C-alpha atoms as a PDB file:
ATOM      1  CA  MET A   1      36.725   9.264 -30.314  1.00  0.00           C
ATOM      2  CA  ALA A   2      38.511   7.534 -33.191  1.00  0.00           C
ATOM      3  CA  PRO A   3      39.452   3.872 -32.736  1.00  0.00           C
ATOM      4  CA  GLN A   4      43.132   3.216 -32.069  1.00  0.00           C
ATOM      5  CA  ALA A   5      45.144   1.578 -34.826  1.00  0.00           C
ATOM      6  CA  MET A   6      45.609  -2.137 -34.251  1.00  0.00           C
ATOM      7  CA  GLY A   7      48.999  -3.204 -33.020  1.00  0.00           C
ATOM      8  CA  LYS A   8      50.214   0.066 -31.559  1.00  0.00           C
ATOM      9  CA  ILE A   9      51.662  -0.071 -28.060  1.00  0.00           C
ATOM     10  CA  ARG A  10      49.244   1.643 -25.666  1.00  0.00           C
ATOM     11  CA  SER A  11      49.802   3.079 -22.200  1.00  0.00           C
ATOM     12  CA  SER A  12      48.089   0.042 -20.673  1.00  0.00           C
ATOM     13  CA  ASP A  13      50.474  -2.228 -22.600  1.00  0.00           C
ATOM     14  CA  ILE A  14      53.440  -0.270 -21.241  1.00  0.00           C
ATOM     15  CA  LEU A  15      52.252  -0.909 -17.674  1.00  0.00           C
ATOM     16  CA  VAL A  16      52.445  -4.653 -18.299  1.00  0.00           C
ATOM     17  CA  ILE A  17      55.718  -4.428 -20.220  1.00  0.00           C
ATOM     18  CA  ASP A  18      57.249  -2.442 -17.348  1.00  0.00           C
ATOM     19  CA  LYS A  19      56.419  -5.236 -14.882  1.00  0.00           C
ATOM     20  CA  VAL A  20      57.285  -8.202 -17.102  1.00  0.00           C
ATOM     21  CA  PHE A  21      60.645  -6.797 -18.144  1.00  0.00           C
ATOM     22  CA  ALA A  22      61.573  -5.320 -14.733  1.00  0.00           C
ATOM     23  CA  MET A  23      61.695  -1.738 -15.997  1.00  0.00           C
ATOM     24  CA  GLU A  24      61.144   0.122 -12.751  1.00  0.00           C
ATOM     25  CA  GLY A  25      63.645   2.878 -12.047  1.00  0.00           C
ATOM     26  CA  GLY A  26      64.735   3.171 -15.670  1.00  0.00           C
ATOM     27  CA  TYR A  27      66.279  -0.278 -15.862  1.00  0.00           C
ATOM     28  CA  VAL A  28      65.490  -3.227 -18.112  1.00  0.00           C
ATOM     29  CA  PHE A  29      66.225  -6.534 -16.388  1.00  0.00           C
ATOM     30  CA  ASN A  30      69.829  -6.669 -15.248  1.00  0.00           C
ATOM     31  CA  PHE A  31      71.212  -5.059 -18.395  1.00  0.00           C
ATOM     32  CA  SER A  32      74.105  -2.635 -18.134  1.00  0.00           C
ATOM     33  CA  ASN A  33      74.195   0.052 -20.824  1.00  0.00           C
ATOM     34  CA  GLN A  34      76.746  -2.033 -22.709  1.00  0.00           C
ATOM     35  CA  SER A  35      74.883  -5.339 -22.444  1.00  0.00           C
ATOM     36  CA  PHE A  36      71.611  -3.614 -23.439  1.00  0.00           C
ATOM     37  CA  ALA A  37      73.278  -2.237 -26.572  1.00  0.00           C
ATOM     38  CA  GLU A  38      74.839  -5.648 -27.318  1.00  0.00           C
ATOM     39  CA  PHE A  39      71.481  -7.404 -26.884  1.00  0.00           C
ATOM     40  CA  PHE A  40      69.765  -5.076 -29.362  1.00  0.00           C
ATOM     41  CA  ARG A  41      72.626  -5.306 -31.835  1.00  0.00           C
ATOM     42  CA  GLU A  42      72.951  -9.114 -31.675  1.00  0.00           C
ATOM     43  CA  GLU A  43      69.285 -10.098 -31.341  1.00  0.00           C
ATOM     44  CA  LEU A  44      67.602  -7.409 -33.422  1.00  0.00           C
ATOM     45  CA  GLY A  45      70.277  -5.689 -35.520  1.00  0.00           C
ATOM     46  CA  VAL A  46      69.383  -2.338 -33.907  1.00  0.00           C
ATOM     47  CA  ASN A  47      71.556   0.440 -32.506  1.00  0.00           C
ATOM     48  CA  ILE A  48      69.483   1.260 -29.419  1.00  0.00           C
ATOM     49  CA  ASP A  49      72.069   3.932 -28.529  1.00  0.00           C
ATOM     50  CA  ASP A  50      71.053   5.938 -31.610  1.00  0.00           C
ATOM     51  CA  PRO A  51      69.886   9.364 -30.366  1.00  0.00           C
ATOM     52  CA  ARG A  52      66.509   8.943 -32.109  1.00  0.00           C
ATOM     53  CA  TRP A  53      65.514   6.397 -29.422  1.00  0.00           C
ATOM     54  CA  SER A  54      66.482   8.786 -26.586  1.00  0.00           C
ATOM     55  CA  VAL A  55      63.908  11.490 -27.382  1.00  0.00           C
ATOM     56  CA  GLN A  56      62.154  10.974 -24.024  1.00  0.00           C
ATOM     57  CA  GLY A  57      65.304  10.267 -22.019  1.00  0.00           C
ATOM     58  CA  GLY A  58      68.406   8.138 -22.013  1.00  0.00           C
ATOM     59  CA  SER A  59      67.535   5.409 -19.513  1.00  0.00           C
ATOM     60  CA  LYS A  60      67.224   1.901 -20.887  1.00  0.00           C
ATOM     61  CA  ALA A  61      63.519   1.784 -20.000  1.00  0.00           C
ATOM     62  CA  LYS A  62      62.739   5.143 -21.629  1.00  0.00           C
ATOM     63  CA  ARG A  63      64.598   4.179 -24.805  1.00  0.00           C
ATOM     64  CA  LEU A  64      62.799   0.831 -24.942  1.00  0.00           C
ATOM     65  CA  ARG A  65      59.364   2.390 -24.399  1.00  0.00           C
ATOM     66  CA  TYR A  66      59.998   5.010 -27.087  1.00  0.00           C
ATOM     67  CA  TYR A  67      61.371   2.376 -29.469  1.00  0.00           C
ATOM     68  CA  LEU A  68      58.345   0.109 -29.010  1.00  0.00           C
ATOM     69  CA  ARG A  69      55.941   2.977 -29.649  1.00  0.00           C
ATOM     70  CA  HIS A  70      57.701   4.131 -32.819  1.00  0.00           C
ATOM     71  CA  VAL A  71      58.606   0.994 -34.722  1.00  0.00           C
ATOM     72  CA  ASP A  72      56.167  -1.012 -36.801  1.00  0.00           C
ATOM     73  CA  GLN A  73      54.055  -3.758 -35.269  1.00  0.00           C
ATOM     74  CA  GLN A  74      56.238  -6.666 -36.440  1.00  0.00           C
ATOM     75  CA  ILE A  75      59.436  -5.114 -35.106  1.00  0.00           C
ATOM     76  CA  ALA A  76      57.750  -4.415 -31.756  1.00  0.00           C
ATOM     77  CA  ARG A  77      56.566  -8.037 -31.649  1.00  0.00           C
ATOM     78  CA  ASP A  78      60.057  -9.339 -32.489  1.00  0.00           C
ATOM     79  CA  THR A  79      61.577  -7.113 -29.796  1.00  0.00           C
ATOM     80  CA  LEU A  80      59.137  -8.262 -27.122  1.00  0.00           C
ATOM     81  CA  SER A  81      59.696 -11.879 -28.139  1.00  0.00           C
ATOM     82  CA  ALA A  82      63.495 -11.521 -27.895  1.00  0.00           C
ATOM     83  CA  LEU A  83      63.149  -9.870 -24.480  1.00  0.00           C
ATOM     84  CA  TRP A  84      60.786 -12.641 -23.340  1.00  0.00           C
ATOM     85  CA  HIS A  85      63.334 -15.293 -24.384  1.00  0.00           C
ATOM     86  CA  TYR A  86      66.039 -13.404 -22.489  1.00  0.00           C
ATOM     87  CA  ARG A  87      63.759 -13.241 -19.439  1.00  0.00           C
ATOM     88  CA  GLU A  88      63.142 -16.987 -19.561  1.00  0.00           C
ATOM     89  CA  ALA A  89      66.830 -17.823 -20.108  1.00  0.00           C
ATOM     90  CA  THR A  90      67.736 -15.635 -17.135  1.00  0.00           C
ATOM     91  CA  ARG A  91      65.063 -17.233 -14.964  1.00  0.00           C
ATOM     92  CA  ILE A  92      66.210 -20.744 -15.855  1.00  0.00           C
ATOM     93  CA  THR A  93      69.888 -20.022 -15.258  1.00  0.00           C
ATOM     94  CA  GLU A  94      69.162 -18.328 -11.923  1.00  0.00           C
ATOM     95  CA  GLU A  95      66.953 -21.092 -10.512  1.00  0.00           C
ATOM     96  CA  ARG A  96      68.427 -22.965  -7.606  1.00  0.00           C
ATOM     97  CA  PHE A  97      67.795 -26.673  -7.716  1.00  0.00           C
ATOM     98  CA  VAL A  98      67.300 -28.520  -4.447  1.00  0.00           C
ATOM     99  CA  GLY A  99      68.660 -31.988  -4.572  1.00  0.00           C
END
């Protein structure tokens, strides 16, 4: 068996990404189709609605998985970082403070 190229997104990585970014059921976080497209355009300069990202299906999660597996390592890293920052901003703004 040949060793896997460093930096490529593997199936085991996708399992973690699915949980961290709430991708069950085809969703990604609380994004609507419009807000998902806006996020990619504003944060990454990418048209995630481009048909090339929908090869395996049109749900937000399927497009994101396909995108991560087909872009270069740095772009995948930048995408995951932007999504992580969104996750943290959402968590902070949704916290309820007792006081």
